[in-house]
Amino acid sequence: MPTRNDAYILMTDHVKNESLQKHMLSVEAAMRAYARKYGEDEELWGIAGLLHDCDYEEYPDLQQHTRIAAEWLREAGYDERIIYAILAHNDLNLETNPRTNLLSKGLYACDEITGMVTATALVRPNKIAGLEASSVRKKMKAKGFAAGVNRDDLVEGAAELGVDLNEHITFVIQAMSEIADTLGLADNTEQKEEALS
């Protein structure tokens, strides 16, 4: 099977938008953390997260999204479990690819929540440092905030995975915090204070 580095190259070949790249890296981080929690294959889960939207920039139409990616990944020799989970995270594919396994439930649960966490962190002075689930929940209620994030998917994703929404948000914040620098969500206030002194 292709490696994580192969997956990263495939993703960046098809996705030039930096925000979308960071979103996919966020989902990868959350998926890896959940794989560790559940004793699952971290590489498999991580690659599913990293590649889940690899066709979205070129094929944003939801009728095509994930189906094009599935073709690319099959041609490149990716594990069918990854392809299945990627197809299953698009609700339009649920008839043929229902979310019946932990991997597909995990991917669906981690997708939208990472967007909400990112949007919430970006409006805070300390970014993701010290971010709590209650702040994310508060922003979820503001309809104009991060309007592209589907609130129903956030709630449904946690429910399908069988985790409490607050615990899920806290878990994803922790996972994303581990790569905060890469995501542009690191707290730089200390560096700014040092530079001023």
C-alpha atoms as a PDB file:
ATOM      1  CA  MET A   1       0.000   0.000   0.000  1.00  0.00           C
ATOM      2  CA  PRO A   2       1.196   3.557  -0.625  1.00  0.00           C
ATOM      3  CA  THR A   3       2.850   5.280   2.334  1.00  0.00           C
ATOM      4  CA  ARG A   4       1.762   8.370   4.240  1.00  0.00           C
ATOM      5  CA  ASN A   5       4.302  10.355   2.211  1.00  0.00           C
ATOM      6  CA  ASP A   6       2.751   9.056  -1.026  1.00  0.00           C
ATOM      7  CA  ALA A   7      -0.669  10.108   0.289  1.00  0.00           C
ATOM      8  CA  TYR A   8       0.622  13.578   1.180  1.00  0.00           C
ATOM      9  CA  ILE A   9       2.078  14.028  -2.332  1.00  0.00           C
ATOM     10  CA  LEU A  10      -1.200  12.890  -3.911  1.00  0.00           C
ATOM     11  CA  MET A  11      -3.138  15.320  -1.712  1.00  0.00           C
ATOM     12  CA  THR A  12      -0.902  18.310  -2.488  1.00  0.00           C
ATOM     13  CA  ASP A  13      -0.881  17.467  -6.204  1.00  0.00           C
ATOM     14  CA  HIS A  14      -4.668  17.861  -6.283  1.00  0.00           C
ATOM     15  CA  VAL A  15      -5.212  20.427  -3.514  1.00  0.00           C
ATOM     16  CA  LYS A  16      -3.507  23.805  -3.820  1.00  0.00           C
ATOM     17  CA  ASN A  17      -5.761  25.706  -1.405  1.00  0.00           C
ATOM     18  CA  GLU A  18      -3.827  26.030   1.857  1.00  0.00           C
ATOM     19  CA  SER A  19      -6.962  26.101   4.032  1.00  0.00           C
ATOM     20  CA  LEU A  20      -8.206  22.863   2.495  1.00  0.00           C
ATOM     21  CA  GLN A  21      -4.782  21.264   2.956  1.00  0.00           C
ATOM     22  CA  LYS A  22      -4.827  22.284   6.628  1.00  0.00           C
ATOM     23  CA  HIS A  23      -8.335  20.898   6.999  1.00  0.00           C
ATOM     24  CA  MET A  24      -7.187  17.534   5.688  1.00  0.00           C
ATOM     25  CA  LEU A  25      -4.159  17.566   7.991  1.00  0.00           C
ATOM     26  CA  SER A  26      -6.507  18.359  10.903  1.00  0.00           C
ATOM     27  CA  VAL A  27      -8.735  15.420  10.063  1.00  0.00           C
ATOM     28  CA  GLU A  28      -5.654  13.211   9.731  1.00  0.00           C
ATOM     29  CA  ALA A  29      -4.493  14.245  13.227  1.00  0.00           C
ATOM     30  CA  ALA A  30      -7.931  13.564  14.737  1.00  0.00           C
ATOM     31  CA  MET A  31      -8.199  10.217  12.949  1.00  0.00           C
ATOM     32  CA  ARG A  32      -4.750   9.119  14.133  1.00  0.00           C
ATOM     33  CA  ALA A  33      -5.678  10.009  17.704  1.00  0.00           C
ATOM     34  CA  TYR A  34      -8.929   8.037  17.493  1.00  0.00           C
ATOM     35  CA  ALA A  35      -7.098   5.068  15.955  1.00  0.00           C
ATOM     36  CA  ARG A  36      -4.773   5.036  18.980  1.00  0.00           C
ATOM     37  CA  LYS A  37      -7.741   5.333  21.340  1.00  0.00           C
ATOM     38  CA  TYR A  38      -9.592   2.420  19.738  1.00  0.00           C
ATOM     39  CA  GLY A  39      -6.523   0.263  19.095  1.00  0.00           C
ATOM     40  CA  GLU A  40      -6.981   0.521  15.324  1.00  0.00           C
ATOM     41  CA  ASP A  41      -4.444   0.860  12.481  1.00  0.00           C
ATOM     42  CA  GLU A  42      -3.125   4.404  12.836  1.00  0.00           C
ATOM     43  CA  GLU A  43      -1.670   4.575   9.318  1.00  0.00           C
ATOM     44  CA  LEU A  44      -4.916   3.379   7.740  1.00  0.00           C
ATOM     45  CA  TRP A  45      -7.023   5.843   9.738  1.00  0.00           C
ATOM     46  CA  GLY A  46      -4.546   8.696   9.223  1.00  0.00           C
ATOM     47  CA  ILE A  47      -4.372   8.232   5.454  1.00  0.00           C
ATOM     48  CA  ALA A  48      -8.182   8.122   5.252  1.00  0.00           C
ATOM     49  CA  GLY A  49      -8.260  11.478   7.048  1.00  0.00           C
ATOM     50  CA  LEU A  50      -5.480  12.966   4.941  1.00  0.00           C
ATOM     51  CA  LEU A  51      -7.101  12.011   1.639  1.00  0.00           C
ATOM     52  CA  HIS A  52     -10.821  12.322   2.415  1.00  0.00           C
ATOM     53  CA  ASP A  53     -11.264  15.556   0.433  1.00  0.00           C
ATOM     54  CA  CYS A  54      -8.411  15.122  -2.084  1.00  0.00           C
ATOM     55  CA  ASP A  55     -10.773  15.596  -5.045  1.00  0.00           C
ATOM     56  CA  TYR A  56     -12.858  18.435  -3.573  1.00  0.00           C
ATOM     57  CA  GLU A  57     -10.923  21.372  -5.024  1.00  0.00           C
ATOM     58  CA  GLU A  58     -11.151  19.993  -8.579  1.00  0.00           C
ATOM     59  CA  TYR A  59     -14.570  18.299  -8.168  1.00  0.00           C
ATOM     60  CA  PRO A  60     -16.634  20.251  -5.604  1.00  0.00           C
ATOM     61  CA  ASP A  61     -19.928  18.931  -6.998  1.00  0.00           C
ATOM     62  CA  LEU A  62     -21.158  16.502  -4.336  1.00  0.00           C
ATOM     63  CA  GLN A  63     -22.327  14.075  -7.038  1.00  0.00           C
ATOM     64  CA  GLN A  64     -18.667  13.660  -8.065  1.00  0.00           C
ATOM     65  CA  HIS A  65     -16.868  14.416  -4.776  1.00  0.00           C
ATOM     66  CA  THR A  66     -15.326  11.274  -3.235  1.00  0.00           C
ATOM     67  CA  ARG A  67     -16.221   9.181  -6.304  1.00  0.00           C
ATOM     68  CA  ILE A  68     -13.364  10.742  -8.282  1.00  0.00           C
ATOM     69  CA  ALA A  69     -11.069  10.281  -5.270  1.00  0.00           C
ATOM     70  CA  ALA A  70     -12.090   6.623  -5.077  1.00  0.00           C
ATOM     71  CA  GLU A  71     -10.996   6.140  -8.708  1.00  0.00           C
ATOM     72  CA  TRP A  72      -7.635   7.824  -8.059  1.00  0.00           C
ATOM     73  CA  LEU A  73      -7.001   5.781  -4.920  1.00  0.00           C
ATOM     74  CA  ARG A  74      -7.939   2.458  -6.513  1.00  0.00           C
ATOM     75  CA  GLU A  75      -5.557   3.171  -9.404  1.00  0.00           C
ATOM     76  CA  ALA A  76      -2.792   3.984  -6.909  1.00  0.00           C
ATOM     77  CA  GLY A  77      -3.344   0.799  -4.889  1.00  0.00           C
ATOM     78  CA  TYR A  78      -4.838   2.185  -1.679  1.00  0.00           C
ATOM     79  CA  ASP A  79      -6.584  -0.125   0.784  1.00  0.00           C
ATOM     80  CA  GLU A  80     -10.286  -0.565   0.009  1.00  0.00           C
ATOM     81  CA  ARG A  81     -11.125   0.257   3.642  1.00  0.00           C
ATOM     82  CA  ILE A  82      -9.767   3.783   3.103  1.00  0.00           C
ATOM     83  CA  ILE A  83     -11.730   4.164  -0.124  1.00  0.00           C
ATOM     84  CA  TYR A  84     -14.917   2.898   1.524  1.00  0.00           C
ATOM     85  CA  ALA A  85     -14.618   5.360   4.426  1.00  0.00           C
ATOM     86  CA  ILE A  86     -13.951   8.270   2.059  1.00  0.00           C
ATOM     87  CA  LEU A  87     -17.007   7.375  -0.028  1.00  0.00           C
ATOM     88  CA  ALA A  88     -19.116   6.947   3.130  1.00  0.00           C
ATOM     89  CA  HIS A  89     -18.315  10.425   4.468  1.00  0.00           C
ATOM     90  CA  ASN A  90     -20.339  11.888   1.562  1.00  0.00           C
ATOM     91  CA  ASP A  91     -24.017  11.404   2.457  1.00  0.00           C
ATOM     92  CA  LEU A  92     -24.898  11.016  -1.235  1.00  0.00           C
ATOM     93  CA  ASN A  93     -23.090   7.658  -1.212  1.00  0.00           C
ATOM     94  CA  LEU A  94     -24.804   6.177   1.849  1.00  0.00           C
ATOM     95  CA  GLU A  95     -27.001   3.837  -0.172  1.00  0.00           C
ATOM     96  CA  THR A  96     -23.953   2.004  -1.512  1.00  0.00           C
ATOM     97  CA  ASN A  97     -21.517   2.920   1.267  1.00  0.00           C
ATOM     98  CA  PRO A  98     -23.339   3.131   4.592  1.00  0.00           C
ATOM     99  CA  ARG A  99     -21.266   4.106   7.616  1.00  0.00           C
ATOM    100  CA  THR A 100     -21.347   0.683   9.259  1.00  0.00           C
ATOM    101  CA  ASN A 101     -17.768   0.380  10.500  1.00  0.00           C
ATOM    102  CA  LEU A 102     -15.687   2.336  13.004  1.00  0.00           C
ATOM    103  CA  LEU A 103     -13.352   3.782  10.370  1.00  0.00           C
ATOM    104  CA  SER A 104     -16.147   5.353   8.313  1.00  0.00           C
ATOM    105  CA  LYS A 105     -17.929   6.607  11.443  1.00  0.00           C
ATOM    106  CA  GLY A 106     -14.669   8.102  12.695  1.00  0.00           C
ATOM    107  CA  LEU A 107     -13.992   9.921   9.433  1.00  0.00           C
ATOM    108  CA  TYR A 108     -17.507  11.380   9.316  1.00  0.00           C
ATOM    109  CA  ALA A 109     -17.257  12.451  12.967  1.00  0.00           C
ATOM    110  CA  CYS A 110     -13.859  14.136  12.522  1.00  0.00           C
ATOM    111  CA  ASP A 111     -14.603  15.958   9.261  1.00  0.00           C
ATOM    112  CA  GLU A 112     -16.838  18.901  10.133  1.00  0.00           C
ATOM    113  CA  ILE A 113     -15.738  19.256  13.752  1.00  0.00           C
ATOM    114  CA  THR A 114     -12.166  20.099  12.723  1.00  0.00           C
ATOM    115  CA  GLY A 115     -13.537  23.005  10.676  1.00  0.00           C
ATOM    116  CA  MET A 116     -15.472  24.328  13.662  1.00  0.00           C
ATOM    117  CA  VAL A 117     -12.469  23.976  15.966  1.00  0.00           C
ATOM    118  CA  THR A 118     -10.245  25.776  13.441  1.00  0.00           C
ATOM    119  CA  ALA A 119     -12.710  28.647  12.964  1.00  0.00           C
ATOM    120  CA  THR A 120     -13.119  29.070  16.724  1.00  0.00           C
ATOM    121  CA  ALA A 121      -9.357  28.955  17.357  1.00  0.00           C
ATOM    122  CA  LEU A 122      -8.609  31.539  14.662  1.00  0.00           C
ATOM    123  CA  VAL A 123     -10.677  34.254  16.397  1.00  0.00           C
ATOM    124  CA  ARG A 124      -8.914  33.760  19.756  1.00  0.00           C
ATOM    125  CA  PRO A 125      -5.701  35.572  20.786  1.00  0.00           C
ATOM    126  CA  ASN A 126      -4.164  32.273  21.991  1.00  0.00           C
ATOM    127  CA  LYS A 127      -5.622  30.354  19.039  1.00  0.00           C
ATOM    128  CA  ILE A 128      -5.973  26.638  19.938  1.00  0.00           C
ATOM    129  CA  ALA A 129      -4.041  26.901  23.217  1.00  0.00           C
ATOM    130  CA  GLY A 130      -6.510  26.595  26.089  1.00  0.00           C
ATOM    131  CA  LEU A 131      -9.495  26.238  23.752  1.00  0.00           C
ATOM    132  CA  GLU A 132     -12.358  24.428  25.462  1.00  0.00           C
ATOM    133  CA  ALA A 133     -15.354  22.543  24.113  1.00  0.00           C
ATOM    134  CA  SER A 134     -17.711  25.129  25.662  1.00  0.00           C
ATOM    135  CA  SER A 135     -16.243  27.865  23.421  1.00  0.00           C
ATOM    136  CA  VAL A 136     -16.711  25.705  20.332  1.00  0.00           C
ATOM    137  CA  ARG A 137     -20.290  24.866  21.390  1.00  0.00           C
ATOM    138  CA  LYS A 138     -21.014  28.575  21.867  1.00  0.00           C
ATOM    139  CA  LYS A 139     -19.748  29.361  18.354  1.00  0.00           C
ATOM    140  CA  MET A 140     -21.833  26.491  16.956  1.00  0.00           C
ATOM    141  CA  LYS A 141     -24.955  28.380  18.078  1.00  0.00           C
ATOM    142  CA  ALA A 142     -23.943  31.526  16.155  1.00  0.00           C
ATOM    143  CA  LYS A 143     -25.487  30.925  12.720  1.00  0.00           C
ATOM    144  CA  GLY A 144     -23.324  33.444  10.858  1.00  0.00           C
ATOM    145  CA  PHE A 145     -20.096  32.050  12.297  1.00  0.00           C
ATOM    146  CA  ALA A 146     -18.295  29.469  10.127  1.00  0.00           C
ATOM    147  CA  ALA A 147     -21.444  29.231   8.029  1.00  0.00           C
ATOM    148  CA  GLY A 148     -19.940  26.524   5.820  1.00  0.00           C
ATOM    149  CA  VAL A 149     -19.765  24.093   8.739  1.00  0.00           C
ATOM    150  CA  ASN A 150     -22.849  21.876   8.876  1.00  0.00           C
ATOM    151  CA  ARG A 151     -24.017  21.877  12.516  1.00  0.00           C
ATOM    152  CA  ASP A 152     -26.214  18.796  12.010  1.00  0.00           C
ATOM    153  CA  ASP A 153     -23.185  16.838  10.776  1.00  0.00           C
ATOM    154  CA  LEU A 154     -21.260  17.848  13.916  1.00  0.00           C
ATOM    155  CA  VAL A 155     -23.932  16.456  16.210  1.00  0.00           C
ATOM    156  CA  GLU A 156     -24.731  13.429  14.063  1.00  0.00           C
ATOM    157  CA  GLY A 157     -21.051  12.537  13.633  1.00  0.00           C
ATOM    158  CA  ALA A 158     -20.442  12.294  17.378  1.00  0.00           C
ATOM    159  CA  ALA A 159     -23.677  10.336  17.821  1.00  0.00           C
ATOM    160  CA  GLU A 160     -22.764   7.843  15.074  1.00  0.00           C
ATOM    161  CA  LEU A 161     -19.342   7.345  16.661  1.00  0.00           C
ATOM    162  CA  GLY A 162     -21.049   6.860  20.024  1.00  0.00           C
ATOM    163  CA  VAL A 163     -19.211   9.634  21.847  1.00  0.00           C
ATOM    164  CA  ASP A 164     -20.470  12.596  23.862  1.00  0.00           C
ATOM    165  CA  LEU A 165     -20.216  15.758  21.753  1.00  0.00           C
ATOM    166  CA  ASN A 166     -18.258  17.717  24.376  1.00  0.00           C
ATOM    167  CA  GLU A 167     -15.813  14.839  24.824  1.00  0.00           C
ATOM    168  CA  HIS A 168     -15.484  14.548  21.053  1.00  0.00           C
ATOM    169  CA  ILE A 169     -14.714  18.272  20.682  1.00  0.00           C
ATOM    170  CA  THR A 170     -12.167  18.138  23.517  1.00  0.00           C
ATOM    171  CA  PHE A 171     -10.524  15.057  21.988  1.00  0.00           C
ATOM    172  CA  VAL A 172     -10.270  16.682  18.543  1.00  0.00           C
ATOM    173  CA  ILE A 173      -8.874  19.931  20.029  1.00  0.00           C
ATOM    174  CA  GLN A 174      -6.160  17.884  21.752  1.00  0.00           C
ATOM    175  CA  ALA A 175      -5.316  15.996  18.547  1.00  0.00           C
ATOM    176  CA  MET A 176      -5.126  19.201  16.503  1.00  0.00           C
ATOM    177  CA  SER A 177      -3.043  20.903  19.213  1.00  0.00           C
ATOM    178  CA  GLU A 178      -0.284  18.378  18.563  1.00  0.00           C
ATOM    179  CA  ILE A 179       0.209  19.871  15.073  1.00  0.00           C
ATOM    180  CA  ALA A 180      -0.848  23.445  15.907  1.00  0.00           C
ATOM    181  CA  ASP A 181       2.235  24.960  14.215  1.00  0.00           C
ATOM    182  CA  THR A 182       1.497  23.158  10.947  1.00  0.00           C
ATOM    183  CA  LEU A 183      -2.138  24.243  11.100  1.00  0.00           C
ATOM    184  CA  GLY A 184      -1.305  27.889  11.843  1.00  0.00           C
ATOM    185  CA  LEU A 185      -3.096  27.575  15.191  1.00  0.00           C
ATOM    186  CA  ALA A 186      -0.142  27.883  17.568  1.00  0.00           C
ATOM    187  CA  ASP A 187      -0.221  30.493  20.337  1.00  0.00           C
ATOM    188  CA  ASN A 188       2.395  33.059  19.290  1.00  0.00           C
ATOM    189  CA  THR A 189       1.651  35.581  22.059  1.00  0.00           C
ATOM    190  CA  GLU A 190       4.680  34.452  24.094  1.00  0.00           C
ATOM    191  CA  GLN A 191       6.991  34.892  21.092  1.00  0.00           C
ATOM    192  CA  LYS A 192       5.510  38.345  20.445  1.00  0.00           C
ATOM    193  CA  GLU A 193       6.052  39.335  24.093  1.00  0.00           C
ATOM    194  CA  GLU A 194       9.672  38.120  23.950  1.00  0.00           C
ATOM    195  CA  ALA A 195      10.263  40.091  20.752  1.00  0.00           C
ATOM    196  CA  LEU A 196       8.894  43.267  22.339  1.00  0.00           C
ATOM    197  CA  SER A 197      10.998  42.987  25.518  1.00  0.00           C
END
